[in-house]
Amino acid sequence: MANVVLPPQFDHLARFADWVLDSERARNRKRLASSMQEIKEFYGVMLACVDEALEHLNQFSLDDMPVAERNLLHLTLSLAEVANAVELFKTQPGVIDGFDMERFYLIHEGEAVPAR
């Protein structure tokens, strides 16, 4: 697990450093590679402090956000990534009978669309 810097009032989230991911694809892969136990633990802890985290983050511009706040932002985005697994899918990290995410190409993240 990597060491990440977080705003001091969010130091208790440092144990979730592996959820500090800077792309939608990385967050999706982390969700799919995690057990429901891991996802539910992360979800529960983050959900308890997400309002405070968002209030804190609202003080900063996305264009000039300090590293600690950027890491906190990535944790909140990971919370959004796992929410459906906990709230809707309930028993598995992936979409039930869903599209294989490895076949999905996120153009806005700079990935090329495969030739057909």
PDB file of N, CA and C in Angstrom:
ATOM      1  N   MET A   1       0.844  -1.175   0.000  1.00  0.00           N
ATOM      2  CA  MET A   1       0.000   0.000   0.000  1.00  0.00           C
ATOM      3  C   MET A   1       0.889   1.239   0.000  1.00  0.00           C
ATOM      4  N   ALA A   2       0.617   2.137  -0.890  1.00  0.00           N
ATOM      5  CA  ALA A   2       1.400   3.364  -1.014  1.00  0.00           C
ATOM      6  C   ALA A   2       1.066   4.334   0.112  1.00  0.00           C
ATOM      7  N   ASN A   3       2.048   5.159   0.458  1.00  0.00           N
ATOM      8  CA  ASN A   3       1.814   6.227   1.420  1.00  0.00           C
ATOM      9  C   ASN A   3       1.192   7.399   0.688  1.00  0.00           C
ATOM     10  N   VAL A   4       0.084   7.904   1.177  1.00  0.00           N
ATOM     11  CA  VAL A   4      -0.527   9.078   0.568  1.00  0.00           C
ATOM     12  C   VAL A   4      -0.696  10.154   1.625  1.00  0.00           C
ATOM     13  N   VAL A   5      -0.604  11.373   1.165  1.00  0.00           N
ATOM     14  CA  VAL A   5      -0.819  12.523   2.035  1.00  0.00           C
ATOM     15  C   VAL A   5      -2.283  12.912   1.922  1.00  0.00           C
ATOM     16  N   LEU A   6      -2.919  13.114   3.064  1.00  0.00           N
ATOM     17  CA  LEU A   6      -4.304  13.575   3.118  1.00  0.00           C
ATOM     18  C   LEU A   6      -4.375  14.781   4.044  1.00  0.00           C
ATOM     19  N   PRO A   7      -5.404  15.602   3.915  1.00  0.00           N
ATOM     20  CA  PRO A   7      -5.575  16.683   4.878  1.00  0.00           C
ATOM     21  C   PRO A   7      -5.625  16.082   6.290  1.00  0.00           C
ATOM     22  N   PRO A   8      -5.043  16.753   7.281  1.00  0.00           N
ATOM     23  CA  PRO A   8      -4.915  16.175   8.623  1.00  0.00           C
ATOM     24  C   PRO A   8      -6.211  15.603   9.210  1.00  0.00           C
ATOM     25  N   GLN A   9      -7.334  16.266   8.985  1.00  0.00           N
ATOM     26  CA  GLN A   9      -8.585  15.782   9.566  1.00  0.00           C
ATOM     27  C   GLN A   9      -9.097  14.498   8.900  1.00  0.00           C
ATOM     28  N   PHE A  10      -8.415  14.076   7.824  1.00  0.00           N
ATOM     29  CA  PHE A  10      -8.802  12.855   7.119  1.00  0.00           C
ATOM     30  C   PHE A  10      -7.703  11.789   7.179  1.00  0.00           C
ATOM     31  N   ASP A  11      -6.780  11.938   8.122  1.00  0.00           N
ATOM     32  CA  ASP A  11      -5.700  10.958   8.283  1.00  0.00           C
ATOM     33  C   ASP A  11      -6.220   9.544   8.512  1.00  0.00           C
ATOM     34  N   HIS A  12      -7.387   9.419   9.108  1.00  0.00           N
ATOM     35  CA  HIS A  12      -7.954   8.084   9.372  1.00  0.00           C
ATOM     36  C   HIS A  12      -8.282   7.322   8.093  1.00  0.00           C
ATOM     37  N   LEU A  13      -8.263   8.010   6.955  1.00  0.00           N
ATOM     38  CA  LEU A  13      -8.538   7.366   5.670  1.00  0.00           C
ATOM     39  C   LEU A  13      -7.266   6.843   4.998  1.00  0.00           C
ATOM     40  N   ALA A  14      -6.112   7.083   5.598  1.00  0.00           N
ATOM     41  CA  ALA A  14      -4.838   6.683   4.994  1.00  0.00           C
ATOM     42  C   ALA A  14      -4.759   5.176   4.748  1.00  0.00           C
ATOM     43  N   ARG A  15      -5.485   4.388   5.513  1.00  0.00           N
ATOM     44  CA  ARG A  15      -5.457   2.936   5.303  1.00  0.00           C
ATOM     45  C   ARG A  15      -6.089   2.534   3.976  1.00  0.00           C
ATOM     46  N   PHE A  16      -6.789   3.473   3.342  1.00  0.00           N
ATOM     47  CA  PHE A  16      -7.398   3.219   2.033  1.00  0.00           C
ATOM     48  C   PHE A  16      -6.585   3.844   0.899  1.00  0.00           C
ATOM     49  N   ALA A  17      -5.278   3.953   1.109  1.00  0.00           N
ATOM     50  CA  ALA A  17      -4.402   4.583   0.110  1.00  0.00           C
ATOM     51  C   ALA A  17      -4.506   3.918  -1.256  1.00  0.00           C
ATOM     52  N   ASP A  18      -4.786   2.624  -1.274  1.00  0.00           N
ATOM     53  CA  ASP A  18      -4.870   1.928  -2.561  1.00  0.00           C
ATOM     54  C   ASP A  18      -6.128   2.289  -3.346  1.00  0.00           C
ATOM     55  N   TRP A  19      -7.036   3.068  -2.748  1.00  0.00           N
ATOM     56  CA  TRP A  19      -8.226   3.568  -3.446  1.00  0.00           C
ATOM     57  C   TRP A  19      -7.998   4.983  -3.999  1.00  0.00           C
ATOM     58  N   VAL A  20      -6.831   5.558  -3.754  1.00  0.00           N
ATOM     59  CA  VAL A  20      -6.488   6.884  -4.296  1.00  0.00           C
ATOM     60  C   VAL A  20      -6.005   6.665  -5.732  1.00  0.00           C
ATOM     61  N   LEU A  21      -6.943   6.732  -6.657  1.00  0.00           N
ATOM     62  CA  LEU A  21      -6.669   6.418  -8.059  1.00  0.00           C
ATOM     63  C   LEU A  21      -7.123   7.578  -8.934  1.00  0.00           C
ATOM     64  N   ASP A  22      -6.298   7.934  -9.905  1.00  0.00           N
ATOM     65  CA  ASP A  22      -6.545   9.164 -10.662  1.00  0.00           C
ATOM     66  C   ASP A  22      -7.297   8.987 -11.972  1.00  0.00           C
ATOM     67  N   SER A  23      -7.818   7.784 -12.228  1.00  0.00           N
ATOM     68  CA  SER A  23      -8.601   7.627 -13.453  1.00  0.00           C
ATOM     69  C   SER A  23      -9.827   6.751 -13.194  1.00  0.00           C
ATOM     70  N   GLU A  24     -10.828   6.965 -13.997  1.00  0.00           N
ATOM     71  CA  GLU A  24     -12.052   6.175 -13.897  1.00  0.00           C
ATOM     72  C   GLU A  24     -11.762   4.696 -14.140  1.00  0.00           C
ATOM     73  N   ARG A  25     -10.927   4.416 -15.127  1.00  0.00           N
ATOM     74  CA  ARG A  25     -10.574   3.021 -15.431  1.00  0.00           C
ATOM     75  C   ARG A  25      -9.877   2.366 -14.244  1.00  0.00           C
ATOM     76  N   ALA A  26      -8.939   3.056 -13.619  1.00  0.00           N
ATOM     77  CA  ALA A  26      -8.227   2.500 -12.464  1.00  0.00           C
ATOM     78  C   ALA A  26      -9.187   2.238 -11.303  1.00  0.00           C
ATOM     79  N   ARG A  27     -10.106   3.163 -11.065  1.00  0.00           N
ATOM     80  CA  ARG A  27     -11.080   2.966  -9.984  1.00  0.00           C
ATOM     81  C   ARG A  27     -11.986   1.781 -10.287  1.00  0.00           C
ATOM     82  N   ASN A  28     -12.393   1.653 -11.550  1.00  0.00           N
ATOM     83  CA  ASN A  28     -13.240   0.537 -11.952  1.00  0.00           C
ATOM     84  C   ASN A  28     -12.501  -0.789 -11.776  1.00  0.00           C
ATOM     85  N   ARG A  29     -11.260  -0.831 -12.196  1.00  0.00           N
ATOM     86  CA  ARG A  29     -10.464  -2.063 -12.044  1.00  0.00           C
ATOM     87  C   ARG A  29     -10.266  -2.420 -10.579  1.00  0.00           C
ATOM     88  N   LYS A  30     -10.043  -1.420  -9.742  1.00  0.00           N
ATOM     89  CA  LYS A  30      -9.871  -1.665  -8.306  1.00  0.00           C
ATOM     90  C   LYS A  30     -11.151  -2.258  -7.729  1.00  0.00           C
ATOM     91  N   ARG A  31     -12.301  -1.706  -8.099  1.00  0.00           N
ATOM     92  CA  ARG A  31     -13.578  -2.249  -7.620  1.00  0.00           C
ATOM     93  C   ARG A  31     -13.729  -3.700  -8.037  1.00  0.00           C
ATOM     94  N   LEU A  32     -13.474  -3.990  -9.298  1.00  0.00           N
ATOM     95  CA  LEU A  32     -13.648  -5.348  -9.804  1.00  0.00           C
ATOM     96  C   LEU A  32     -12.665  -6.340  -9.191  1.00  0.00           C
ATOM     97  N   ALA A  33     -11.495  -5.865  -8.773  1.00  0.00           N
ATOM     98  CA  ALA A  33     -10.475  -6.735  -8.189  1.00  0.00           C
ATOM     99  C   ALA A  33     -10.624  -6.892  -6.675  1.00  0.00           C
ATOM    100  N   SER A  34     -11.534  -6.152  -6.071  1.00  0.00           N
ATOM    101  CA  SER A  34     -11.699  -6.167  -4.613  1.00  0.00           C
ATOM    102  C   SER A  34     -12.816  -7.115  -4.198  1.00  0.00           C
ATOM    103  N   SER A  35     -12.687  -7.627  -2.994  1.00  0.00           N
ATOM    104  CA  SER A  35     -13.756  -8.462  -2.444  1.00  0.00           C
ATOM    105  C   SER A  35     -14.887  -7.556  -1.955  1.00  0.00           C
ATOM    106  N   MET A  36     -16.071  -8.114  -1.826  1.00  0.00           N
ATOM    107  CA  MET A  36     -17.188  -7.320  -1.301  1.00  0.00           C
ATOM    108  C   MET A  36     -16.916  -6.885   0.128  1.00  0.00           C
ATOM    109  N   GLN A  37     -16.198  -7.682   0.884  1.00  0.00           N
ATOM    110  CA  GLN A  37     -15.842  -7.285   2.241  1.00  0.00           C
ATOM    111  C   GLN A  37     -14.985  -6.020   2.224  1.00  0.00           C
ATOM    112  N   GLU A  38     -13.976  -5.988   1.341  1.00  0.00           N
ATOM    113  CA  GLU A  38     -13.116  -4.804   1.211  1.00  0.00           C
ATOM    114  C   GLU A  38     -13.921  -3.602   0.739  1.00  0.00           C
ATOM    115  N   ILE A  39     -14.774  -3.816  -0.229  1.00  0.00           N
ATOM    116  CA  ILE A  39     -15.593  -2.729  -0.770  1.00  0.00           C
ATOM    117  C   ILE A  39     -16.522  -2.175   0.286  1.00  0.00           C
ATOM    118  N   LYS A  40     -17.179  -3.051   1.029  1.00  0.00           N
ATOM    119  CA  LYS A  40     -18.125  -2.602   2.061  1.00  0.00           C
ATOM    120  C   LYS A  40     -17.422  -1.858   3.187  1.00  0.00           C
ATOM    121  N   GLU A  41     -16.224  -2.295   3.543  1.00  0.00           N
ATOM    122  CA  GLU A  41     -15.466  -1.586   4.582  1.00  0.00           C
ATOM    123  C   GLU A  41     -15.106  -0.180   4.106  1.00  0.00           C
ATOM    124  N   PHE A  42     -14.570  -0.078   2.898  1.00  0.00           N
ATOM    125  CA  PHE A  42     -14.222   1.228   2.328  1.00  0.00           C
ATOM    126  C   PHE A  42     -15.464   2.112   2.230  1.00  0.00           C
ATOM    127  N   TYR A  43     -16.534   1.562   1.700  1.00  0.00           N
ATOM    128  CA  TYR A  43     -17.794   2.289   1.529  1.00  0.00           C
ATOM    129  C   TYR A  43     -18.293   2.840   2.871  1.00  0.00           C
ATOM    130  N   GLY A  44     -18.321   2.003   3.891  1.00  0.00           N
ATOM    131  CA  GLY A  44     -18.838   2.427   5.193  1.00  0.00           C
ATOM    132  C   GLY A  44     -18.048   3.564   5.811  1.00  0.00           C
ATOM    133  N   VAL A  45     -16.740   3.443   5.770  1.00  0.00           N
ATOM    134  CA  VAL A  45     -15.882   4.485   6.354  1.00  0.00           C
ATOM    135  C   VAL A  45     -15.996   5.781   5.554  1.00  0.00           C
ATOM    136  N   MET A  46     -15.944   5.666   4.236  1.00  0.00           N
ATOM    137  CA  MET A  46     -16.021   6.869   3.395  1.00  0.00           C
ATOM    138  C   MET A  46     -17.391   7.535   3.479  1.00  0.00           C
ATOM    139  N   LEU A  47     -18.447   6.743   3.489  1.00  0.00           N
ATOM    140  CA  LEU A  47     -19.791   7.313   3.539  1.00  0.00           C
ATOM    141  C   LEU A  47     -19.993   8.136   4.810  1.00  0.00           C
ATOM    142  N   ALA A  48     -19.374   7.699   5.891  1.00  0.00           N
ATOM    143  CA  ALA A  48     -19.508   8.410   7.171  1.00  0.00           C
ATOM    144  C   ALA A  48     -18.866   9.797   7.140  1.00  0.00           C
ATOM    145  N   CYS A  49     -17.907  10.020   6.236  1.00  0.00           N
ATOM    146  CA  CYS A  49     -17.216  11.315   6.236  1.00  0.00           C
ATOM    147  C   CYS A  49     -17.279  12.039   4.886  1.00  0.00           C
ATOM    148  N   VAL A  50     -18.067  11.537   3.956  1.00  0.00           N
ATOM    149  CA  VAL A  50     -18.069  12.146   2.619  1.00  0.00           C
ATOM    150  C   VAL A  50     -18.609  13.577   2.637  1.00  0.00           C
ATOM    151  N   ASP A  51     -19.605  13.867   3.446  1.00  0.00           N
ATOM    152  CA  ASP A  51     -20.123  15.240   3.496  1.00  0.00           C
ATOM    153  C   ASP A  51     -19.043  16.212   3.970  1.00  0.00           C
ATOM    154  N   GLU A  52     -18.322  15.816   5.010  1.00  0.00           N
ATOM    155  CA  GLU A  52     -17.229  16.649   5.518  1.00  0.00           C
ATOM    156  C   GLU A  52     -16.125  16.778   4.461  1.00  0.00           C
ATOM    157  N   ALA A  53     -15.825  15.686   3.769  1.00  0.00           N
ATOM    158  CA  ALA A  53     -14.787  15.717   2.725  1.00  0.00           C
ATOM    159  C   ALA A  53     -15.176  16.662   1.595  1.00  0.00           C
ATOM    160  N   LEU A  54     -16.419  16.577   1.139  1.00  0.00           N
ATOM    161  CA  LEU A  54     -16.865  17.443   0.041  1.00  0.00           C
ATOM    162  C   LEU A  54     -16.904  18.907   0.470  1.00  0.00           C
ATOM    163  N   GLU A  55     -17.319  19.151   1.694  1.00  0.00           N
ATOM    164  CA  GLU A  55     -17.309  20.530   2.207  1.00  0.00           C
ATOM    165  C   GLU A  55     -15.878  21.072   2.215  1.00  0.00           C
ATOM    166  N   HIS A  56     -14.944  20.247   2.643  1.00  0.00           N
ATOM    167  CA  HIS A  56     -13.532  20.652   2.646  1.00  0.00           C
ATOM    168  C   HIS A  56     -13.038  20.904   1.217  1.00  0.00           C
ATOM    169  N   LEU A  57     -13.338  19.992   0.308  1.00  0.00           N
ATOM    170  CA  LEU A  57     -12.857  20.102  -1.072  1.00  0.00           C
ATOM    171  C   LEU A  57     -13.444  21.296  -1.808  1.00  0.00           C
ATOM    172  N   ASN A  58     -14.628  21.719  -1.428  1.00  0.00           N
ATOM    173  CA  ASN A  58     -15.266  22.873  -2.074  1.00  0.00           C
ATOM    174  C   ASN A  58     -14.491  24.169  -1.874  1.00  0.00           C
ATOM    175  N   GLN A  59     -13.524  24.163  -0.987  1.00  0.00           N
ATOM    176  CA  GLN A  59     -12.700  25.351  -0.753  1.00  0.00           C
ATOM    177  C   GLN A  59     -11.594  25.507  -1.801  1.00  0.00           C
ATOM    178  N   PHE A  60     -11.422  24.520  -2.656  1.00  0.00           N
ATOM    179  CA  PHE A  60     -10.295  24.497  -3.581  1.00  0.00           C
ATOM    180  C   PHE A  60     -10.764  24.423  -5.022  1.00  0.00           C
ATOM    181  N   SER A  61      -9.975  24.995  -5.900  1.00  0.00           N
ATOM    182  CA  SER A  61     -10.226  24.905  -7.325  1.00  0.00           C
ATOM    183  C   SER A  61      -9.672  23.579  -7.844  1.00  0.00           C
ATOM    184  N   LEU A  62     -10.388  22.958  -8.757  1.00  0.00           N
ATOM    185  CA  LEU A  62      -9.889  21.720  -9.362  1.00  0.00           C
ATOM    186  C   LEU A  62      -8.602  21.958 -10.134  1.00  0.00           C
ATOM    187  N   ASP A  63      -8.430  23.162 -10.648  1.00  0.00           N
ATOM    188  CA  ASP A  63      -7.252  23.485 -11.451  1.00  0.00           C
ATOM    189  C   ASP A  63      -5.987  23.689 -10.627  1.00  0.00           C
ATOM    190  N   ASP A  64      -6.146  23.966  -9.338  1.00  0.00           N
ATOM    191  CA  ASP A  64      -4.986  24.265  -8.506  1.00  0.00           C
ATOM    192  C   ASP A  64      -5.154  23.637  -7.121  1.00  0.00           C
ATOM    193  N   MET A  65      -5.480  22.360  -7.089  1.00  0.00           N
ATOM    194  CA  MET A  65      -5.759  21.667  -5.836  1.00  0.00           C
ATOM    195  C   MET A  65      -4.461  21.094  -5.251  1.00  0.00           C
ATOM    196  N   PRO A  66      -4.201  21.342  -3.970  1.00  0.00           N
ATOM    197  CA  PRO A  66      -3.019  20.757  -3.329  1.00  0.00           C
ATOM    198  C   PRO A  66      -3.068  19.217  -3.369  1.00  0.00           C
ATOM    199  N   VAL A  67      -1.910  18.596  -3.266  1.00  0.00           N
ATOM    200  CA  VAL A  67      -1.800  17.145  -3.374  1.00  0.00           C
ATOM    201  C   VAL A  67      -2.693  16.426  -2.362  1.00  0.00           C
ATOM    202  N   ALA A  68      -2.694  16.862  -1.118  1.00  0.00           N
ATOM    203  CA  ALA A  68      -3.492  16.192  -0.086  1.00  0.00           C
ATOM    204  C   ALA A  68      -4.976  16.223  -0.437  1.00  0.00           C
ATOM    205  N   GLU A  69      -5.434  17.365  -0.916  1.00  0.00           N
ATOM    206  CA  GLU A  69      -6.839  17.488  -1.299  1.00  0.00           C
ATOM    207  C   GLU A  69      -7.139  16.677  -2.568  1.00  0.00           C
ATOM    208  N   ARG A  70      -6.212  16.649  -3.495  1.00  0.00           N
ATOM    209  CA  ARG A  70      -6.397  15.843  -4.715  1.00  0.00           C
ATOM    210  C   ARG A  70      -6.557  14.363  -4.337  1.00  0.00           C
ATOM    211  N   ASN A  71      -5.755  13.900  -3.384  1.00  0.00           N
ATOM    212  CA  ASN A  71      -5.876  12.511  -2.913  1.00  0.00           C
ATOM    213  C   ASN A  71      -7.240  12.260  -2.271  1.00  0.00           C
ATOM    214  N   LEU A  72      -7.711  13.219  -1.492  1.00  0.00           N
ATOM    215  CA  LEU A  72      -9.036  13.098  -0.885  1.00  0.00           C
ATOM    216  C   LEU A  72     -10.119  13.075  -1.959  1.00  0.00           C
ATOM    217  N   LEU A  73      -9.976  13.899  -2.969  1.00  0.00           N
ATOM    218  CA  LEU A  73     -10.920  13.896  -4.087  1.00  0.00           C
ATOM    219  C   LEU A  73     -10.962  12.517  -4.744  1.00  0.00           C
ATOM    220  N   HIS A  74      -9.801  11.922  -4.965  1.00  0.00           N
ATOM    221  CA  HIS A  74      -9.759  10.598  -5.579  1.00  0.00           C
ATOM    222  C   HIS A  74     -10.439   9.551  -4.696  1.00  0.00           C
ATOM    223  N   LEU A  75     -10.333   9.686  -3.386  1.00  0.00           N
ATOM    224  CA  LEU A  75     -11.054   8.770  -2.491  1.00  0.00           C
ATOM    225  C   LEU A  75     -12.562   8.936  -2.639  1.00  0.00           C
ATOM    226  N   THR A  76     -13.021  10.171  -2.754  1.00  0.00           N
ATOM    227  CA  THR A  76     -14.469  10.379  -2.911  1.00  0.00           C
ATOM    228  C   THR A  76     -14.959   9.839  -4.253  1.00  0.00           C
ATOM    229  N   LEU A  77     -14.129   9.945  -5.289  1.00  0.00           N
ATOM    230  CA  LEU A  77     -14.500   9.374  -6.584  1.00  0.00           C
ATOM    231  C   LEU A  77     -14.520   7.846  -6.520  1.00  0.00           C
ATOM    232  N   SER A  78     -13.630   7.261  -5.733  1.00  0.00           N
ATOM    233  CA  SER A  78     -13.663   5.807  -5.534  1.00  0.00           C
ATOM    234  C   SER A  78     -14.910   5.394  -4.768  1.00  0.00           C
ATOM    235  N   LEU A  79     -15.354   6.228  -3.845  1.00  0.00           N
ATOM    236  CA  LEU A  79     -16.620   5.944  -3.155  1.00  0.00           C
ATOM    237  C   LEU A  79     -17.759   5.890  -4.163  1.00  0.00           C
ATOM    238  N   ALA A  80     -17.788   6.840  -5.070  1.00  0.00           N
ATOM    239  CA  ALA A  80     -18.827   6.831  -6.104  1.00  0.00           C
ATOM    240  C   ALA A  80     -18.726   5.565  -6.957  1.00  0.00           C
ATOM    241  N   GLU A  81     -17.512   5.101  -7.198  1.00  0.00           N
ATOM    242  CA  GLU A  81     -17.303   3.894  -8.008  1.00  0.00           C
ATOM    243  C   GLU A  81     -17.845   2.644  -7.327  1.00  0.00           C
ATOM    244  N   VAL A  82     -17.714   2.557  -6.006  1.00  0.00           N
ATOM    245  CA  VAL A  82     -18.155   1.335  -5.311  1.00  0.00           C
ATOM    246  C   VAL A  82     -19.597   1.387  -4.842  1.00  0.00           C
ATOM    247  N   ALA A  83     -20.215   2.546  -4.878  1.00  0.00           N
ATOM    248  CA  ALA A  83     -21.570   2.687  -4.327  1.00  0.00           C
ATOM    249  C   ALA A  83     -22.561   1.711  -4.955  1.00  0.00           C
ATOM    250  N   ASN A  84     -22.536   1.559  -6.259  1.00  0.00           N
ATOM    251  CA  ASN A  84     -23.482   0.631  -6.891  1.00  0.00           C
ATOM    252  C   ASN A  84     -23.249  -0.804  -6.463  1.00  0.00           C
ATOM    253  N   ALA A  85     -21.992  -1.190  -6.275  1.00  0.00           N
ATOM    254  CA  ALA A  85     -21.694  -2.557  -5.841  1.00  0.00           C
ATOM    255  C   ALA A  85     -22.351  -2.841  -4.489  1.00  0.00           C
ATOM    256  N   VAL A  86     -22.328  -1.858  -3.598  1.00  0.00           N
ATOM    257  CA  VAL A  86     -22.907  -2.042  -2.261  1.00  0.00           C
ATOM    258  C   VAL A  86     -24.419  -1.866  -2.287  1.00  0.00           C
ATOM    259  N   GLU A  87     -24.886  -0.820  -2.945  1.00  0.00           N
ATOM    260  CA  GLU A  87     -26.301  -0.471  -2.874  1.00  0.00           C
ATOM    261  C   GLU A  87     -27.188  -1.248  -3.836  1.00  0.00           C
ATOM    262  N   LEU A  88     -26.656  -1.631  -4.999  1.00  0.00           N
ATOM    263  CA  LEU A  88     -27.483  -2.305  -6.008  1.00  0.00           C
ATOM    264  C   LEU A  88     -27.094  -3.765  -6.238  1.00  0.00           C
ATOM    265  N   PHE A  89     -25.799  -4.006  -6.501  1.00  0.00           N
ATOM    266  CA  PHE A  89     -25.369  -5.368  -6.826  1.00  0.00           C
ATOM    267  C   PHE A  89     -25.367  -6.246  -5.578  1.00  0.00           C
ATOM    268  N   LYS A  90     -25.002  -5.670  -4.450  1.00  0.00           N
ATOM    269  CA  LYS A  90     -25.011  -6.254  -3.110  1.00  0.00           C
ATOM    270  C   LYS A  90     -24.078  -7.440  -2.878  1.00  0.00           C
ATOM    271  N   THR A  91     -23.963  -8.364  -3.803  1.00  0.00           N
ATOM    272  CA  THR A  91     -23.182  -9.573  -3.541  1.00  0.00           C
ATOM    273  C   THR A  91     -21.925  -9.700  -4.379  1.00  0.00           C
ATOM    274  N   GLN A  92     -21.714  -8.786  -5.310  1.00  0.00           N
ATOM    275  CA  GLN A  92     -20.536  -8.879  -6.171  1.00  0.00           C
ATOM    276  C   GLN A  92     -20.087  -7.493  -6.610  1.00  0.00           C
ATOM    277  N   PRO A  93     -18.776  -7.341  -6.866  1.00  0.00           N
ATOM    278  CA  PRO A  93     -18.238  -6.041  -7.266  1.00  0.00           C
ATOM    279  C   PRO A  93     -18.680  -5.581  -8.653  1.00  0.00           C
ATOM    280  N   GLY A  94     -18.968  -6.516  -9.543  1.00  0.00           N
ATOM    281  CA  GLY A  94     -19.300  -6.169 -10.924  1.00  0.00           C
ATOM    282  C   GLY A  94     -20.787  -6.143 -11.182  1.00  0.00           C
ATOM    283  N   VAL A  95     -21.134  -5.540 -12.294  1.00  0.00           N
ATOM    284  CA  VAL A  95     -22.525  -5.459 -12.727  1.00  0.00           C
ATOM    285  C   VAL A  95     -23.032  -6.869 -13.022  1.00  0.00           C
ATOM    286  N   ILE A  96     -24.166  -7.202 -12.482  1.00  0.00           N
ATOM    287  CA  ILE A  96     -24.756  -8.511 -12.714  1.00  0.00           C
ATOM    288  C   ILE A  96     -25.134  -8.620 -14.187  1.00  0.00           C
ATOM    289  N   ASP A  97     -24.612  -9.643 -14.862  1.00  0.00           N
ATOM    290  CA  ASP A  97     -24.821  -9.851 -16.300  1.00  0.00           C
ATOM    291  C   ASP A  97     -24.433  -8.617 -17.104  1.00  0.00           C
ATOM    292  N   GLY A  98     -23.413  -7.898 -16.643  1.00  0.00           N
ATOM    293  CA  GLY A  98     -23.008  -6.651 -17.293  1.00  0.00           C
ATOM    294  C   GLY A  98     -21.970  -6.847 -18.375  1.00  0.00           C
ATOM    295  N   PHE A  99     -21.704  -5.778 -19.069  1.00  0.00           N
ATOM    296  CA  PHE A  99     -20.716  -5.691 -20.137  1.00  0.00           C
ATOM    297  C   PHE A  99     -19.325  -5.839 -19.538  1.00  0.00           C
ATOM    298  N   ASP A 100     -18.446  -6.614 -20.162  1.00  0.00           N
ATOM    299  CA  ASP A 100     -17.076  -6.783 -19.703  1.00  0.00           C
ATOM    300  C   ASP A 100     -16.350  -5.437 -19.808  1.00  0.00           C
ATOM    301  N   MET A 101     -15.952  -4.881 -18.678  1.00  0.00           N
ATOM    302  CA  MET A 101     -15.352  -3.541 -18.664  1.00  0.00           C
ATOM    303  C   MET A 101     -14.018  -3.473 -19.400  1.00  0.00           C
ATOM    304  N   GLU A 102     -13.340  -4.572 -19.608  1.00  0.00           N
ATOM    305  CA  GLU A 102     -12.092  -4.548 -20.372  1.00  0.00           C
ATOM    306  C   GLU A 102     -12.354  -4.261 -21.845  1.00  0.00           C
ATOM    307  N   ARG A 103     -13.597  -4.416 -22.279  1.00  0.00           N
ATOM    308  CA  ARG A 103     -13.948  -4.108 -23.669  1.00  0.00           C
ATOM    309  C   ARG A 103     -14.414  -2.664 -23.823  1.00  0.00           C
ATOM    310  N   PHE A 104     -14.555  -1.947 -22.747  1.00  0.00           N
ATOM    311  CA  PHE A 104     -15.053  -0.581 -22.743  1.00  0.00           C
ATOM    312  C   PHE A 104     -13.869   0.383 -22.805  1.00  0.00           C
ATOM    313  N   TYR A 105     -13.857   1.269 -23.779  1.00  0.00           N
ATOM    314  CA  TYR A 105     -12.752   2.204 -23.950  1.00  0.00           C
ATOM    315  C   TYR A 105     -13.182   3.614 -23.596  1.00  0.00           C
ATOM    316  N   LEU A 106     -12.462   4.199 -22.646  1.00  0.00           N
ATOM    317  CA  LEU A 106     -12.754   5.537 -22.172  1.00  0.00           C
ATOM    318  C   LEU A 106     -11.940   6.541 -22.983  1.00  0.00           C
ATOM    319  N   ILE A 107     -12.543   7.127 -23.974  1.00  0.00           N
ATOM    320  CA  ILE A 107     -11.837   8.043 -24.866  1.00  0.00           C
ATOM    321  C   ILE A 107     -11.364   9.282 -24.117  1.00  0.00           C
ATOM    322  N   HIS A 108     -12.147   9.769 -23.158  1.00  0.00           N
ATOM    323  CA  HIS A 108     -11.745  10.980 -22.448  1.00  0.00           C
ATOM    324  C   HIS A 108     -10.503  10.772 -21.592  1.00  0.00           C
ATOM    325  N   GLU A 109     -10.075   9.530 -21.389  1.00  0.00           N
ATOM    326  CA  GLU A 109      -8.849   9.265 -20.652  1.00  0.00           C
ATOM    327  C   GLU A 109      -7.671   9.013 -21.591  1.00  0.00           C
ATOM    328  N   GLY A 110      -7.871   9.296 -22.879  1.00  0.00           N
ATOM    329  CA  GLY A 110      -6.790   9.186 -23.834  1.00  0.00           C
ATOM    330  C   GLY A 110      -6.545   7.808 -24.398  1.00  0.00           C
ATOM    331  N   GLU A 111      -7.475   6.885 -24.185  1.00  0.00           N
ATOM    332  CA  GLU A 111      -7.297   5.550 -24.709  1.00  0.00           C
ATOM    333  C   GLU A 111      -7.871   5.476 -26.128  1.00  0.00           C
ATOM    334  N   ALA A 112      -7.178   4.798 -26.981  1.00  0.00           N
ATOM    335  CA  ALA A 112      -7.616   4.685 -28.371  1.00  0.00           C
ATOM    336  C   ALA A 112      -8.780   3.722 -28.506  1.00  0.00           C
ATOM    337  N   VAL A 113      -9.614   3.988 -29.463  1.00  0.00           N
ATOM    338  CA  VAL A 113     -10.725   3.089 -29.778  1.00  0.00           C
ATOM    339  C   VAL A 113     -10.169   1.978 -30.662  1.00  0.00           C
ATOM    340  N   PRO A 114     -10.423   0.708 -30.305  1.00  0.00           N
ATOM    341  CA  PRO A 114      -9.852  -0.389 -31.094  1.00  0.00           C
ATOM    342  C   PRO A 114     -10.449  -0.434 -32.498  1.00  0.00           C
ATOM    343  N   ALA A 115      -9.662  -0.945 -33.425  1.00  0.00           N
ATOM    344  CA  ALA A 115     -10.147  -1.113 -34.812  1.00  0.00           C
ATOM    345  C   ALA A 115     -11.203  -2.215 -34.827  1.00  0.00           C
ATOM    346  N   ARG A 116     -12.165  -2.055 -35.704  1.00  0.00           N
ATOM    347  CA  ARG A 116     -13.234  -3.065 -35.786  1.00  0.00           C
ATOM    348  C   ARG A 116     -12.988  -4.004 -36.913  1.00  0.00           C
TER     349      ARG A 116
END
